[in-house]
Amino acid sequence: MPSVFKARKNAKKWSYKVKLPDGRWHTYVGFTDKRATESKAEQHQTSIDRGEVGLLDPYAKHKQRPLVDHISDYIADLKSLDRDAMHVDIT
């Protein structure tokens, strides 16, 4: 469970700590409203626990390419494997 606190005595915003997957704790600045900060901290910790935070999509750059480019690459790969023209056309 994340902890919510004021970093300084006269701080206007609340802060919270969440536990990262490697076991370390990290502090984030929240909101001026304590309940909103508690809610954000819970959501943040839940995302970390589910593995949603810190992940990189290994296919991100491929998702940006047009489908036609992927198909062209596939056809070129089939041809480089010496597949006959009929096989390439059917595939």
Protein backbone atom coordinates (compact mmCIF):
# COMPACT_ATOMS: atom_id res chain seq x y z
CA MET A 1 0.00 0.00 0.00
CA PRO A 2 1.44 3.39 -0.95
CA SER A 3 1.96 6.01 1.71
CA VAL A 4 0.69 9.59 1.38
CA PHE A 5 2.45 12.43 3.18
CA LYS A 6 3.52 16.08 3.00
CA ALA A 7 7.16 16.33 1.95
CA ARG A 8 7.64 19.60 3.87
CA LYS A 9 5.76 21.07 6.77
CA ASN A 10 4.24 23.91 4.70
CA ALA A 11 3.96 22.01 1.40
CA LYS A 12 0.84 22.73 -0.62
CA LYS A 13 0.80 19.37 -2.41
CA TRP A 14 0.71 15.88 -0.96
CA SER A 15 3.31 13.32 -2.02
CA TYR A 16 3.13 9.55 -2.18
CA LYS A 17 5.51 6.62 -2.35
CA VAL A 18 4.97 3.47 -4.39
CA LYS A 19 6.97 0.27 -4.43
CA LEU A 20 8.62 -0.48 -7.77
CA PRO A 21 8.97 -4.01 -9.17
CA ASP A 22 12.65 -4.16 -8.16
CA GLY A 23 11.71 -3.52 -4.50
CA ARG A 24 12.80 0.13 -4.33
CA TRP A 25 10.40 2.87 -3.24
CA HIS A 26 9.88 5.97 -5.40
CA THR A 27 8.29 9.28 -4.36
CA TYR A 28 5.87 11.22 -6.58
CA VAL A 29 4.18 14.58 -6.10
CA GLY A 30 0.42 14.35 -5.94
CA PHE A 31 -2.29 16.96 -5.58
CA THR A 32 -3.35 19.58 -3.04
CA ASP A 33 -6.27 17.31 -2.12
CA LYS A 34 -5.22 14.40 0.10
CA ARG A 35 -8.01 12.07 -1.05
CA ALA A 36 -7.19 12.69 -4.72
CA THR A 37 -3.54 11.92 -3.98
CA GLU A 38 -4.50 8.72 -2.13
CA SER A 39 -6.60 7.65 -5.10
CA LYS A 40 -3.81 8.41 -7.57
CA ALA A 41 -1.30 6.53 -5.41
CA GLU A 42 -3.57 3.45 -5.30
CA GLN A 43 -4.05 3.53 -9.09
CA HIS A 44 -0.33 3.97 -9.64
CA GLN A 45 0.56 1.06 -7.33
CA THR A 46 -2.07 -1.18 -8.95
CA SER A 47 -0.62 -0.41 -12.39
CA ILE A 48 2.86 -1.27 -11.16
CA ASP A 49 1.65 -4.50 -9.56
CA ARG A 50 -0.06 -5.55 -12.79
CA GLY A 51 3.10 -4.85 -14.74
CA GLU A 52 1.57 -2.03 -16.75
CA VAL A 53 4.15 0.59 -15.74
CA GLY A 54 7.61 0.64 -17.22
CA LEU A 55 6.90 -1.71 -20.08
CA LEU A 56 8.05 -0.96 -23.57
CA ASP A 57 6.15 -2.20 -26.59
CA PRO A 58 8.71 -4.07 -28.71
CA TYR A 59 6.43 -3.74 -31.74
CA ALA A 60 5.71 0.00 -31.47
CA LYS A 61 7.72 1.01 -34.55
CA HIS A 62 6.21 -1.82 -36.60
CA LYS A 63 2.69 -0.75 -35.68
CA GLN A 64 3.41 2.65 -37.22
CA ARG A 65 4.34 1.20 -40.61
CA PRO A 66 1.63 0.82 -43.28
CA LEU A 67 0.37 -2.73 -43.88
CA VAL A 68 1.49 -2.49 -47.52
CA ASP A 69 5.11 -2.21 -46.35
CA HIS A 70 4.79 -5.36 -44.25
CA ILE A 71 3.26 -7.26 -47.16
CA SER A 72 6.00 -6.06 -49.52
CA ASP A 73 8.64 -7.24 -47.06
CA TYR A 74 6.93 -10.63 -46.78
CA ILE A 75 6.80 -11.06 -50.56
CA ALA A 76 10.46 -10.09 -50.84
CA ASP A 77 11.30 -12.64 -48.13
CA LEU A 78 9.42 -15.38 -50.00
CA LYS A 79 11.30 -14.54 -53.19
CA SER A 80 14.64 -14.54 -51.36
CA LEU A 81 13.86 -18.10 -50.25
CA ASP A 82 13.59 -19.09 -53.95
CA ARG A 83 9.88 -19.82 -53.80
CA ASP A 84 8.39 -20.10 -57.26
CA ALA A 85 6.13 -17.38 -58.64
CA MET A 86 2.98 -19.51 -58.26
CA HIS A 87 3.67 -20.03 -54.52
CA VAL A 88 4.29 -16.32 -54.00
CA ASP A 89 1.07 -15.40 -55.84
CA ILE A 90 -1.05 -17.89 -53.93
CA THR A 91 0.45 -16.93 -50.61
